Protein backbone atom coordinates (compact mmCIF):
# COMPACT_ATOMS: atom_id res chain seq x y z
CA MET A 1 -61.40 5.89 27.04
CA ALA A 2 -59.22 3.93 24.63
CA GLN A 3 -59.47 0.19 24.08
CA PHE A 4 -56.60 -2.19 23.39
CA THR A 5 -56.45 -5.84 22.35
CA VAL A 6 -53.74 -8.45 22.66
CA ASN A 7 -53.70 -11.87 20.99
CA ASN A 8 -51.42 -14.82 21.66
CA ALA A 9 -52.13 -17.18 18.80
CA ALA A 10 -50.77 -20.47 17.46
CA PHE A 11 -48.08 -20.87 20.14
CA THR A 12 -47.27 -23.68 22.57
CA PRO A 13 -49.00 -22.99 25.90
CA SER A 14 -47.64 -24.20 29.22
CA THR A 15 -49.22 -25.08 32.54
CA SER A 16 -46.40 -23.18 34.28
CA GLN A 17 -46.28 -20.00 32.13
CA ASP A 18 -49.05 -17.56 31.32
CA ASN A 19 -50.71 -17.31 27.92
CA TRP A 20 -50.81 -13.59 28.67
CA ALA A 21 -50.59 -11.36 31.72
CA LEU A 22 -51.92 -7.82 32.06
CA ASP A 23 -49.68 -5.60 34.14
CA THR A 24 -49.91 -1.95 35.21
CA ASN A 25 -46.18 -1.60 34.51
CA GLY A 26 -45.29 0.08 37.79
CA THR A 27 -47.73 2.92 37.22
CA THR A 28 -50.95 3.96 38.90
CA ALA A 29 -52.87 3.05 35.75
CA ILE A 30 -56.33 1.53 35.74
CA GLY A 31 -57.39 -0.96 33.10
CA LYS A 32 -60.75 -2.71 32.72
CA VAL A 33 -60.87 -6.12 31.03
CA LYS A 34 -63.95 -6.01 28.83
CA ILE A 35 -63.62 -9.09 26.59
CA PHE A 36 -61.52 -12.24 26.65
CA SER A 37 -61.54 -15.29 24.43
CA TRP A 38 -59.95 -18.65 23.80
CA GLY A 39 -59.98 -21.09 20.92
CA GLY A 40 -58.45 -24.25 19.54
CA ASN A 41 -57.41 -25.46 16.12
CA LEU A 42 -56.26 -29.02 16.74
CA ASN A 43 -57.32 -31.82 14.41
CA THR A 44 -58.00 -34.29 17.23
CA ALA A 45 -60.23 -34.01 20.28
CA THR A 46 -58.04 -32.75 23.13
CA SER A 47 -59.23 -31.59 26.53
CA TYR A 48 -58.00 -28.17 27.62
CA ARG A 49 -58.74 -26.17 30.75
CA THR A 50 -57.91 -22.47 30.95
CA ARG A 51 -57.94 -20.15 33.98
CA TRP A 52 -58.10 -16.37 34.26
CA TYR A 53 -57.01 -15.10 37.67
CA ARG A 54 -55.42 -12.57 39.97
CA PRO A 55 -52.10 -13.97 41.10
CA SER A 56 -51.30 -14.99 44.64
CA THR A 57 -47.71 -13.91 43.84
CA ILE A 58 -47.04 -11.34 41.12
CA GLY A 59 -44.97 -12.04 38.02
CA SER A 60 -41.51 -10.51 37.86
CA GLY A 61 -38.23 -10.44 35.96
CA THR A 62 -37.88 -9.92 32.23
CA PHE A 63 -41.16 -8.94 30.59
CA THR A 64 -41.78 -10.11 27.03
CA ALA A 65 -44.48 -7.94 25.49
CA LEU A 66 -47.12 -9.25 23.13
CA VAL A 67 -48.17 -7.05 20.21
CA THR A 68 -50.96 -4.77 21.44
CA GLN A 69 -53.42 -3.26 19.02
CA GLY A 70 -55.33 -0.09 19.82
CA GLY A 71 -58.78 0.90 18.69
CA ASN A 72 -57.60 4.52 18.63
CA PRO A 73 -54.29 4.98 16.78
CA ALA A 74 -53.64 8.22 18.68
CA ALA A 75 -53.62 6.43 22.07
CA THR A 76 -50.78 4.43 23.60
CA ALA A 77 -51.54 1.73 26.17
CA VAL A 78 -50.23 2.26 29.71
CA VAL A 79 -51.26 -1.23 30.85
CA ARG A 80 -49.05 -3.79 29.13
CA ALA A 81 -49.70 -7.38 28.08
CA GLY A 82 -47.14 -10.16 27.78
CA THR A 83 -45.32 -12.72 29.86
CA PHE A 84 -42.82 -12.57 32.73
CA ALA A 85 -39.64 -14.64 33.16
CA THR A 86 -40.95 -15.50 36.65
CA ALA A 87 -44.60 -16.21 35.92
CA LEU A 88 -47.56 -15.11 38.01
CA THR A 89 -48.58 -17.66 40.64
CA PRO A 90 -52.23 -18.62 40.27
CA PRO A 91 -54.31 -19.15 43.40
CA THR A 92 -55.16 -22.71 44.37
CA GLU A 93 -57.97 -24.10 42.24
CA PRO A 94 -60.85 -23.49 42.05
CA ALA A 95 -60.14 -19.88 43.09
CA GLY A 96 -59.84 -17.42 40.22
CA LEU A 97 -61.85 -15.03 38.09
CA PHE A 98 -63.04 -17.63 35.57
CA GLU A 99 -62.13 -21.17 34.48
CA MET A 100 -63.33 -23.14 31.47
CA ALA A 101 -62.82 -26.74 30.40
CA TRP A 102 -63.04 -26.96 26.61
CA ASN A 103 -62.10 -29.06 23.59
CA ALA A 104 -59.24 -27.72 21.47
CA PHE A 105 -60.63 -29.53 18.39
CA GLY A 106 -62.25 -26.34 17.12
CA GLY A 107 -63.66 -25.39 20.52
CA GLY A 108 -63.48 -21.99 22.18
CA GLY A 109 -65.48 -19.04 23.32
CA THR A 110 -65.72 -15.34 24.02
CA ILE A 111 -66.86 -13.69 27.23
CA VAL A 112 -68.03 -10.08 27.17
CA LEU A 113 -68.04 -8.82 30.75
CA PRO A 114 -71.07 -6.70 31.69
CA ILE A 115 -70.79 -2.95 32.22
CA GLY A 116 -69.79 -2.51 35.86
CA GLY A 117 -68.58 -6.12 36.05
CA GLU A 118 -65.27 -5.68 34.23
CA TRP A 119 -62.11 -7.04 35.85
CA LEU A 120 -59.85 -4.19 37.00
CA VAL A 121 -56.08 -4.01 37.06
CA TYR A 122 -54.92 -1.01 38.99
CA GLY A 123 -52.14 0.41 41.09
CA ASN A 124 -48.47 -0.42 41.13
CA ALA A 125 -47.82 -4.01 39.99
CA ALA A 126 -44.52 -4.01 41.82
CA THR A 127 -46.32 -3.89 45.16
CA THR A 128 -49.78 -5.40 44.74
CA ILE A 129 -51.52 -8.34 43.09
CA ALA A 130 -54.30 -5.95 42.00
CA GLY A 131 -51.92 -4.74 39.28
CA GLN A 132 -51.93 -8.04 37.38
CA ILE A 133 -54.35 -10.53 35.81
CA GLY A 134 -53.18 -13.78 34.23
CA CYS A 135 -54.49 -16.31 31.72
CA ARG A 136 -52.96 -19.79 31.89
CA ASN A 137 -53.79 -23.33 30.89
CA ALA A 138 -54.35 -25.77 33.73
CA ALA A 139 -54.48 -28.56 31.10
CA GLY A 140 -53.62 -28.70 27.41
CA VAL A 141 -50.22 -27.84 25.95
CA ASP A 142 -50.21 -28.87 22.28
CA ALA A 143 -47.92 -26.95 19.92
CA SER A 144 -49.78 -24.30 17.91
CA GLY A 145 -53.07 -25.70 19.20
CA SER A 146 -54.76 -22.71 20.81
CA SER A 147 -55.15 -18.95 20.87
CA TYR A 148 -56.07 -16.46 23.62
CA SER A 149 -57.05 -12.79 23.48
CA CYS A 150 -57.98 -9.97 25.81
CA THR A 151 -59.51 -6.53 25.21
CA TRP A 152 -59.21 -3.87 27.89
CA GLU A 153 -60.07 -0.22 28.30
CA GLU A 154 -58.02 2.45 30.03
């Protein structure tokens, strides 16, 4: 299986738009999130809180892709990563896959999901929430203050 990574770095996050969303792009693809990370580079202590989740309502409209890098140059990703004009709707807190409060003054982390415990995106994103996973800040929106990445396998 091929692995792909997307990074959204040094941008201005929003509490109403995703840092990134994985989407099966209307296919019957299956992707497994293996690693995700977050980090800050502010020069003052600022509280951030980031959520990773399956949406209660899927994202739609214009899709803006983020640059995806592949571990195998001969493979092309079927699952896509980016943002939607109409963002995913996160479930009511505290529901979600993972949430972390952190300090954007050099704070951050990486989570490597265990074998068999990866988060799956699968099916047709146009008809099911299982086809999307989102990453969004619940707090913290400083310009160029944070970065977020995701590595998945398909």
